[in-house]
N, C-alpha and C. Protein backbone atom coordinates (compact mmCIF):
# COMPACT_ATOMS: atom_id res chain seq x y z
N MET A 1 0.87 -1.21 -0.11
CA MET A 1 0.14 0.18 -0.05
C MET A 1 1.20 1.15 0.06
N LYS A 2 0.43 2.22 -0.83
CA LYS A 2 1.25 3.36 -0.97
C LYS A 2 0.22 4.58 -0.53
N VAL A 3 0.84 5.58 0.18
CA VAL A 3 0.16 6.86 0.64
C VAL A 3 0.98 8.15 0.45
N VAL A 4 0.60 8.88 -0.50
CA VAL A 4 1.14 10.25 -0.78
C VAL A 4 0.41 11.09 0.35
N LEU A 5 1.25 11.40 1.42
CA LEU A 5 0.65 12.29 2.44
C LEU A 5 0.82 13.69 2.20
N GLN A 6 0.04 14.71 2.23
CA GLN A 6 0.39 15.96 1.95
C GLN A 6 -0.34 16.91 3.19
N ARG A 7 0.45 17.65 4.02
CA ARG A 7 -0.09 18.40 5.12
C ARG A 7 -0.59 19.53 4.32
N ALA A 8 -2.09 19.77 4.78
CA ALA A 8 -2.91 20.55 4.05
C ALA A 8 -3.82 21.45 4.99
N LYS A 9 -4.37 22.49 4.57
CA LYS A 9 -5.27 23.24 4.90
C LYS A 9 -6.55 23.56 3.94
N ASN A 10 -7.51 23.80 4.10
CA ASN A 10 -8.62 24.29 3.27
C ASN A 10 -8.73 23.11 2.01
N ALA A 11 -8.69 22.10 2.38
CA ALA A 11 -8.89 20.73 1.36
C ALA A 11 -10.37 20.38 1.39
N SER A 12 -10.69 20.13 -0.31
CA SER A 12 -11.92 19.71 -0.39
C SER A 12 -11.80 18.74 -1.83
N VAL A 13 -12.83 18.23 -1.85
CA VAL A 13 -13.00 17.14 -3.16
C VAL A 13 -14.39 17.36 -3.61
N LYS A 14 -14.38 17.45 -4.84
CA LYS A 14 -15.84 17.49 -5.68
C LYS A 14 -16.00 16.33 -6.55
N VAL A 15 -17.16 16.00 -6.54
CA VAL A 15 -17.63 14.95 -7.62
C VAL A 15 -18.78 15.66 -8.36
N ASN A 16 -18.79 16.00 -9.75
CA ASN A 16 -19.72 16.40 -10.48
C ASN A 16 -20.27 18.08 -9.83
N ASP A 17 -18.97 18.69 -9.59
CA ASP A 17 -19.09 20.27 -9.16
C ASP A 17 -19.95 20.22 -7.74
N GLN A 18 -20.07 18.97 -7.14
CA GLN A 18 -20.38 19.08 -5.72
C GLN A 18 -19.41 18.57 -4.58
N ILE A 19 -19.35 19.60 -3.65
CA ILE A 19 -18.36 19.07 -2.64
C ILE A 19 -18.80 18.00 -1.98
N ILE A 20 -17.92 17.04 -1.84
CA ILE A 20 -18.26 15.68 -1.04
C ILE A 20 -17.56 15.37 0.40
N GLY A 21 -16.24 16.17 0.17
CA GLY A 21 -15.22 16.19 1.44
C GLY A 21 -14.67 17.23 1.49
N LYS A 22 -14.40 17.75 2.84
CA LYS A 22 -13.89 19.07 3.11
C LYS A 22 -13.08 19.11 4.61
N ILE A 23 -12.15 19.24 4.84
CA ILE A 23 -11.25 19.46 5.88
C ILE A 23 -10.76 20.90 6.11
N ASN A 24 -10.30 21.24 7.26
CA ASN A 24 -9.60 22.53 7.42
C ASN A 24 -8.41 22.48 7.65
N HIS A 25 -7.61 21.34 8.66
CA HIS A 25 -6.54 21.24 8.80
C HIS A 25 -5.96 19.81 8.67
N GLY A 26 -4.87 19.35 8.26
CA GLY A 26 -4.51 18.04 8.64
C GLY A 26 -3.84 17.51 7.18
N TYR A 27 -4.31 16.42 6.74
CA TYR A 27 -3.56 15.91 5.67
C TYR A 27 -4.53 15.43 4.33
N VAL A 28 -4.15 15.73 3.18
CA VAL A 28 -4.69 15.16 2.08
C VAL A 28 -3.84 13.76 1.76
N ALA A 29 -4.74 12.67 1.77
CA ALA A 29 -3.92 11.51 1.73
C ALA A 29 -4.58 10.71 0.36
N LEU A 30 -3.43 10.46 -0.53
CA LEU A 30 -3.73 9.70 -1.53
C LEU A 30 -3.58 8.28 -1.46
N ILE A 31 -4.42 7.41 -1.50
CA ILE A 31 -4.13 6.14 -1.22
C ILE A 31 -4.16 4.98 -2.07
N GLY A 32 -3.08 4.35 -2.43
CA GLY A 32 -3.39 3.25 -3.62
C GLY A 32 -3.04 1.62 -2.81
N VAL A 33 -3.69 0.99 -3.65
CA VAL A 33 -3.61 -0.51 -3.13
C VAL A 33 -3.17 -1.40 -4.17
N THR A 34 -2.13 -2.15 -3.68
CA THR A 34 -1.60 -3.23 -4.68
C THR A 34 -2.40 -4.52 -4.40
N HIS A 35 -2.16 -5.49 -5.23
CA HIS A 35 -2.82 -6.99 -5.06
C HIS A 35 -2.10 -7.87 -3.92
N THR A 36 -1.07 -7.64 -3.41
CA THR A 36 -0.22 -8.06 -2.35
C THR A 36 -0.46 -7.60 -1.04
N ASP A 37 -1.49 -6.47 -0.92
CA ASP A 37 -1.42 -5.63 0.45
C ASP A 37 -2.27 -6.71 1.36
N THR A 38 -2.05 -6.65 2.74
CA THR A 38 -2.56 -7.46 3.71
C THR A 38 -3.18 -6.55 4.91
N GLU A 39 -3.64 -7.19 5.85
CA GLU A 39 -3.98 -6.50 7.15
C GLU A 39 -2.90 -5.74 7.84
N GLU A 40 -1.62 -6.20 7.58
CA GLU A 40 -0.54 -5.83 8.26
C GLU A 40 -0.09 -4.65 7.51
N ASP A 41 -0.42 -4.48 6.08
CA ASP A 41 -0.12 -3.17 5.42
C ASP A 41 -1.02 -2.24 5.74
N ILE A 42 -2.26 -2.41 5.97
CA ILE A 42 -3.21 -1.32 6.54
C ILE A 42 -2.77 -0.81 8.00
N GLU A 43 -2.39 -1.72 8.70
CA GLU A 43 -2.14 -1.25 10.12
C GLU A 43 -0.93 -0.35 10.06
N TYR A 44 0.15 -0.68 9.34
CA TYR A 44 1.34 -0.09 9.08
C TYR A 44 1.01 1.31 8.59
N ILE A 45 0.06 1.49 7.68
CA ILE A 45 -0.16 2.72 7.12
C ILE A 45 -1.03 3.83 8.16
N VAL A 46 -1.84 3.28 8.65
CA VAL A 46 -2.75 3.71 9.60
C VAL A 46 -2.09 4.53 10.73
N ASN A 47 -0.95 3.58 11.21
CA ASN A 47 -0.21 4.11 12.30
C ASN A 47 0.62 5.11 11.94
N LYS A 48 1.28 4.99 10.70
CA LYS A 48 2.13 6.10 10.16
C LYS A 48 1.43 7.51 9.91
N MET A 49 0.29 7.17 9.34
CA MET A 49 -0.59 8.62 9.03
C MET A 49 -1.09 9.26 10.39
N ILE A 50 -1.21 8.56 11.29
CA ILE A 50 -1.72 9.34 12.67
C ILE A 50 -0.54 9.82 13.39
N HIS A 51 0.69 8.99 13.51
CA HIS A 51 1.59 9.28 14.45
C HIS A 51 2.98 10.03 14.14
N LEU A 52 2.87 10.04 12.72
CA LEU A 52 4.10 10.72 12.06
C LEU A 52 4.21 12.27 12.61
N ARG A 53 5.40 12.79 13.12
CA ARG A 53 5.36 14.26 13.70
C ARG A 53 5.71 15.26 12.59
N VAL A 54 4.96 15.60 11.96
CA VAL A 54 5.23 16.54 10.90
C VAL A 54 4.32 18.01 11.11
N PHE A 55 3.93 18.19 12.01
CA PHE A 55 3.43 19.57 12.42
C PHE A 55 3.96 20.38 13.27
N GLU A 56 4.08 21.48 13.17
CA GLU A 56 4.91 22.27 13.79
C GLU A 56 4.57 22.60 15.36
N ASP A 57 5.36 22.70 16.17
CA ASP A 57 5.26 23.00 17.72
C ASP A 57 5.29 24.53 17.61
N ASN A 58 5.39 25.05 18.90
CA ASN A 58 5.48 26.41 19.29
C ASN A 58 6.90 27.01 18.73
N GLN A 59 7.94 26.18 18.84
CA GLN A 59 9.28 26.69 18.17
C GLN A 59 9.49 26.54 16.60
N GLY A 60 8.28 25.99 16.20
CA GLY A 60 8.48 25.75 14.63
C GLY A 60 9.09 24.54 14.09
N LYS A 61 9.30 23.60 15.12
CA LYS A 61 9.86 22.25 14.62
C LYS A 61 8.58 21.38 14.56
N MET A 62 9.01 20.44 13.31
CA MET A 62 7.89 19.46 13.30
C MET A 62 8.07 18.20 14.28
N ASN A 63 7.45 18.37 15.47
CA ASN A 63 7.23 17.74 16.69
C ASN A 63 5.89 17.22 17.04
N LEU A 64 4.90 17.73 16.32
CA LEU A 64 3.58 17.15 16.61
C LEU A 64 3.04 16.30 15.36
N SER A 65 1.98 15.50 16.02
CA SER A 65 1.50 14.31 15.03
C SER A 65 -0.02 14.76 14.67
N LEU A 66 -0.66 14.05 13.91
CA LEU A 66 -1.82 14.46 13.37
C LEU A 66 -2.83 14.55 14.68
N LYS A 67 -2.75 13.54 15.49
CA LYS A 67 -3.62 13.48 16.70
C LYS A 67 -3.16 14.61 17.66
N ASP A 68 -1.88 15.24 17.79
CA ASP A 68 -1.73 16.07 18.68
C ASP A 68 -2.32 17.47 18.32
N ILE A 69 -2.46 17.59 16.96
CA ILE A 69 -3.24 18.90 16.48
C ILE A 69 -4.64 18.69 16.34
N GLU A 70 -5.05 17.57 16.62
CA GLU A 70 -6.53 17.22 16.27
C GLU A 70 -6.72 17.58 14.86
N GLY A 71 -5.89 17.12 13.80
CA GLY A 71 -6.38 17.24 12.74
C GLY A 71 -7.22 16.23 11.94
N SER A 72 -7.61 16.45 10.64
CA SER A 72 -8.53 15.73 9.76
C SER A 72 -7.46 15.17 8.54
N ILE A 73 -8.37 14.09 7.88
CA ILE A 73 -7.66 13.75 6.65
C ILE A 73 -8.81 13.57 5.69
N LEU A 74 -8.46 14.10 4.59
CA LEU A 74 -9.04 14.19 3.30
C LEU A 74 -8.70 13.03 2.71
N SER A 75 -9.27 11.89 2.64
CA SER A 75 -8.66 10.39 1.87
C SER A 75 -9.34 10.31 0.41
N ILE A 76 -8.44 10.23 -0.19
CA ILE A 76 -8.74 9.91 -1.70
C ILE A 76 -8.38 8.68 -2.30
N SER A 77 -9.04 7.92 -2.99
CA SER A 77 -8.19 6.58 -3.65
C SER A 77 -7.78 7.07 -4.56
N GLN A 78 -6.43 6.48 -4.94
CA GLN A 78 -5.51 6.92 -5.97
C GLN A 78 -4.73 5.66 -6.69
N PHE A 79 -5.27 4.95 -7.56
CA PHE A 79 -4.89 3.55 -8.20
C PHE A 79 -3.55 3.86 -8.68
N THR A 80 -3.72 5.08 -9.39
CA THR A 80 -2.44 5.33 -10.28
C THR A 80 -1.00 5.41 -9.36
N LEU A 81 -0.95 5.59 -8.14
CA LEU A 81 0.41 5.62 -7.35
C LEU A 81 1.00 4.17 -7.74
N TYR A 82 0.26 3.26 -8.18
CA TYR A 82 0.77 2.05 -8.77
C TYR A 82 1.25 1.80 -10.49
N ALA A 83 1.40 3.12 -10.97
CA ALA A 83 1.38 3.22 -12.37
C ALA A 83 3.04 2.59 -12.52
N ASP A 84 3.37 1.73 -13.58
CA ASP A 84 4.31 1.37 -13.92
C ASP A 84 4.88 2.25 -15.29
N THR A 85 6.04 3.14 -15.15
CA THR A 85 6.20 3.91 -16.34
C THR A 85 7.34 3.56 -16.89
N ARG A 86 7.84 2.62 -16.62
CA ARG A 86 9.36 2.14 -17.05
C ARG A 86 9.32 1.84 -18.89
N LYS A 87 8.22 1.46 -19.32
CA LYS A 87 8.45 1.22 -20.70
C LYS A 87 7.20 1.99 -21.45
N GLY A 88 7.64 2.57 -22.61
CA GLY A 88 6.74 3.35 -23.44
C GLY A 88 6.46 4.56 -22.79
N ARG A 89 5.14 4.96 -23.48
CA ARG A 89 4.53 6.16 -22.97
C ARG A 89 3.34 6.18 -22.16
N ARG A 90 2.73 5.10 -22.38
CA ARG A 90 1.47 4.74 -21.64
C ARG A 90 1.64 3.87 -20.43
N PRO A 91 1.24 4.37 -19.23
CA PRO A 91 1.92 3.73 -17.50
C PRO A 91 0.72 2.34 -17.62
N ASN A 92 1.61 1.49 -17.23
CA ASN A 92 0.84 0.34 -16.89
C ASN A 92 0.47 0.22 -15.35
N PHE A 93 -0.83 -0.17 -15.18
CA PHE A 93 -1.33 -0.18 -13.93
C PHE A 93 -1.63 -1.61 -13.46
N MET A 94 -0.87 -2.73 -13.74
CA MET A 94 -1.26 -4.03 -13.44
C MET A 94 -0.81 -4.44 -11.93
N GLN A 95 -0.02 -3.27 -11.28
CA GLN A 95 0.38 -3.44 -9.88
C GLN A 95 -0.64 -3.05 -8.84
N ALA A 96 -1.70 -2.19 -9.58
CA ALA A 96 -2.82 -1.80 -8.86
C ALA A 96 -3.88 -3.00 -8.49
N ALA A 97 -4.37 -2.99 -7.26
CA ALA A 97 -5.49 -4.01 -6.91
C ALA A 97 -6.54 -4.00 -7.55
N LYS A 98 -7.29 -4.92 -7.98
CA LYS A 98 -8.62 -4.68 -8.82
C LYS A 98 -9.55 -4.13 -7.85
N PRO A 99 -10.54 -3.16 -8.44
CA PRO A 99 -11.30 -2.49 -7.89
C PRO A 99 -11.92 -2.94 -6.63
N ASP A 100 -12.44 -4.13 -6.66
CA ASP A 100 -13.32 -4.75 -5.65
C ASP A 100 -12.47 -4.92 -4.38
N ILE A 101 -11.19 -5.41 -4.35
CA ILE A 101 -10.41 -5.23 -3.60
C ILE A 101 -9.85 -4.04 -3.06
N ALA A 102 -9.28 -3.27 -4.04
CA ALA A 102 -8.92 -1.77 -3.50
C ALA A 102 -9.97 -1.12 -2.77
N GLU A 103 -11.16 -0.98 -3.14
CA GLU A 103 -12.23 -0.37 -2.39
C GLU A 103 -12.36 -0.81 -1.10
N GLU A 104 -12.17 -2.04 -0.85
CA GLU A 104 -12.67 -2.70 0.52
C GLU A 104 -11.36 -2.56 1.37
N TYR A 105 -10.06 -2.41 0.80
CA TYR A 105 -9.03 -2.01 1.50
C TYR A 105 -8.78 -0.36 1.90
N TYR A 106 -9.39 0.36 0.77
CA TYR A 106 -9.45 1.87 1.12
C TYR A 106 -10.43 2.18 2.17
N GLU A 107 -11.52 1.38 2.01
CA GLU A 107 -12.40 1.57 3.13
C GLU A 107 -12.32 1.07 4.57
N THR A 108 -11.45 0.05 4.67
CA THR A 108 -10.77 -0.26 5.82
C THR A 108 -9.98 0.66 6.27
N VAL A 109 -9.04 1.19 5.74
CA VAL A 109 -8.15 2.17 6.07
C VAL A 109 -8.69 3.43 6.56
N ASN A 110 -9.95 3.78 5.94
CA ASN A 110 -10.93 5.01 6.56
C ASN A 110 -11.54 4.59 7.91
N ARG A 111 -11.97 3.39 7.83
CA ARG A 111 -12.62 3.01 9.17
C ARG A 111 -11.77 2.92 10.30
N ARG A 112 -10.39 2.36 9.95
CA ARG A 112 -9.61 2.19 11.15
C ARG A 112 -8.86 3.62 11.53
N LEU A 113 -8.85 4.72 10.71
CA LEU A 113 -8.82 5.99 11.14
C LEU A 113 -9.65 6.45 11.98
N LYS A 114 -10.93 6.31 11.53
CA LYS A 114 -12.11 6.85 12.52
C LYS A 114 -12.10 6.02 13.70
N GLU A 115 -11.64 4.96 13.98
CA GLU A 115 -11.87 4.36 15.11
C GLU A 115 -10.53 4.68 15.96
N GLU A 116 -9.56 5.43 15.37
CA GLU A 116 -8.39 6.09 16.29
C GLU A 116 -8.85 7.50 16.61
N GLY A 117 -10.02 7.82 16.39
CA GLY A 117 -10.48 9.04 16.62
C GLY A 117 -10.27 10.14 15.77
N VAL A 118 -9.84 9.68 14.51
CA VAL A 118 -9.61 10.86 13.57
C VAL A 118 -10.80 11.15 12.58
N ASP A 119 -10.67 12.47 12.37
CA ASP A 119 -12.15 12.85 11.39
C ASP A 119 -11.52 12.84 10.04
N VAL A 120 -12.16 11.76 9.35
CA VAL A 120 -11.84 11.35 7.84
C VAL A 120 -13.15 11.94 6.97
N GLU A 121 -12.78 12.63 6.03
CA GLU A 121 -13.68 13.15 4.85
C GLU A 121 -13.19 12.06 3.98
N THR A 122 -13.90 11.91 2.80
CA THR A 122 -13.57 11.03 1.76
C THR A 122 -14.03 11.47 0.28
N GLY A 123 -13.30 10.87 -0.59
CA GLY A 123 -13.62 11.24 -2.01
C GLY A 123 -14.80 9.99 -2.39
N SER A 124 -15.12 9.89 -3.67
CA SER A 124 -15.70 8.75 -4.14
C SER A 124 -14.92 7.97 -4.83
N PHE A 125 -14.78 6.41 -4.26
CA PHE A 125 -14.18 5.40 -5.09
C PHE A 125 -14.50 5.35 -6.44
N GLY A 126 -13.61 5.35 -7.39
CA GLY A 126 -13.89 5.10 -8.68
C GLY A 126 -14.35 6.33 -9.54
N GLU A 127 -14.61 7.14 -8.91
CA GLU A 127 -15.14 8.51 -9.56
C GLU A 127 -14.04 9.32 -10.05
N MET A 128 -14.32 10.18 -11.15
CA MET A 128 -13.45 11.35 -11.37
C MET A 128 -13.57 12.45 -10.42
N MET A 129 -12.49 13.12 -9.72
CA MET A 129 -12.64 13.88 -8.80
C MET A 129 -11.82 14.95 -8.82
N ASP A 130 -12.02 16.26 -8.51
CA ASP A 130 -11.41 17.41 -8.28
C ASP A 130 -10.88 17.80 -6.90
N VAL A 131 -9.73 17.64 -6.76
CA VAL A 131 -9.36 17.78 -5.27
C VAL A 131 -8.47 19.15 -5.45
N THR A 132 -8.85 19.80 -4.29
CA THR A 132 -8.38 21.25 -3.98
C THR A 132 -7.71 21.53 -2.68
N PHE A 133 -6.84 22.12 -2.42
CA PHE A 133 -6.26 22.46 -1.25
C PHE A 133 -4.82 23.23 -1.11
N SER A 134 -4.48 23.67 -0.04
CA SER A 134 -3.18 24.27 0.17
C SER A 134 -2.41 23.38 0.87
N ASN A 135 -1.16 23.03 0.08
CA ASN A 135 -0.11 22.17 0.59
C ASN A 135 0.84 23.11 1.67
N VAL A 136 0.77 22.81 2.85
CA VAL A 136 1.48 23.72 3.98
C VAL A 136 2.65 23.29 4.12
N GLY A 137 3.63 24.26 3.81
CA GLY A 137 5.16 23.95 3.93
C GLY A 137 5.98 24.39 2.88
N PRO A 138 5.92 23.50 1.74
CA PRO A 138 5.11 22.47 1.40
C PRO A 138 5.71 21.21 2.05
N VAL A 139 4.83 20.16 2.77
CA VAL A 139 5.29 19.05 3.40
C VAL A 139 4.42 17.97 2.79
N THR A 140 5.14 17.14 1.95
CA THR A 140 4.74 16.03 1.43
C THR A 140 5.47 14.70 1.44
N MET A 141 4.97 13.48 1.90
CA MET A 141 5.65 12.30 2.06
C MET A 141 5.10 11.10 1.44
N ILE A 142 6.16 10.38 1.15
CA ILE A 142 5.27 9.09 0.31
C ILE A 142 5.45 7.92 1.48
N ILE A 143 4.68 7.30 1.68
CA ILE A 143 4.54 5.91 2.65
C ILE A 143 4.32 4.87 1.81
N ASP A 144 5.00 4.01 2.10
CA ASP A 144 4.96 2.59 1.34
C ASP A 144 5.15 1.63 2.43
N SER A 145 4.17 0.52 2.41
CA SER A 145 4.00 -0.36 3.51
C SER A 145 5.23 -1.39 3.31
N GLU A 146 5.75 -1.43 1.92
CA GLU A 146 6.65 -2.30 1.44
C GLU A 146 7.94 -1.84 2.57
N ASP A 147 8.09 -0.71 2.81
CA ASP A 147 9.25 -0.29 3.60
C ASP A 147 9.28 -0.88 5.15
N ARG A 148 8.21 -1.42 5.62
CA ARG A 148 8.11 -1.94 7.02
C ARG A 148 8.90 -3.26 6.78
N LYS A 149 9.08 -3.76 5.86
CA LYS A 149 9.89 -5.07 5.66
C LYS A 149 11.32 -4.97 5.48
N LYS A 150 11.75 -3.86 5.31
CA LYS A 150 13.23 -3.41 5.28
C LYS A 150 14.08 -3.20 6.53
């Protein structure tokens, strides 16, 4: 599982020109699922998203987590994170999980985040979405659950 995590404020997602999710401060999380992901990958990703210390404290140092600042997450499904662009000009998406599995895992991540007390807003799985936000810092990280095995 891969997540592009972006520190954000004033984030929203639209489908058909209707806002379906909106946060004031926290993360925009683009979440991609591959066919080899397991429950352990979900737990790793959820733990990282909640506890990474990338929000500034009173001294301007990145010492606070999402939970510390009582931030929210705008969660967006993103199969293109598993694009293979090594050959040709058209990306290959064979490493992305099939839609039914990807949706189940995506929903499980969101549910687990909520169970941890995080306010989660979402896009709409499989829909064309317009995501708008301010990337604060900018701070952007890529979290890959394969890293837990290294």
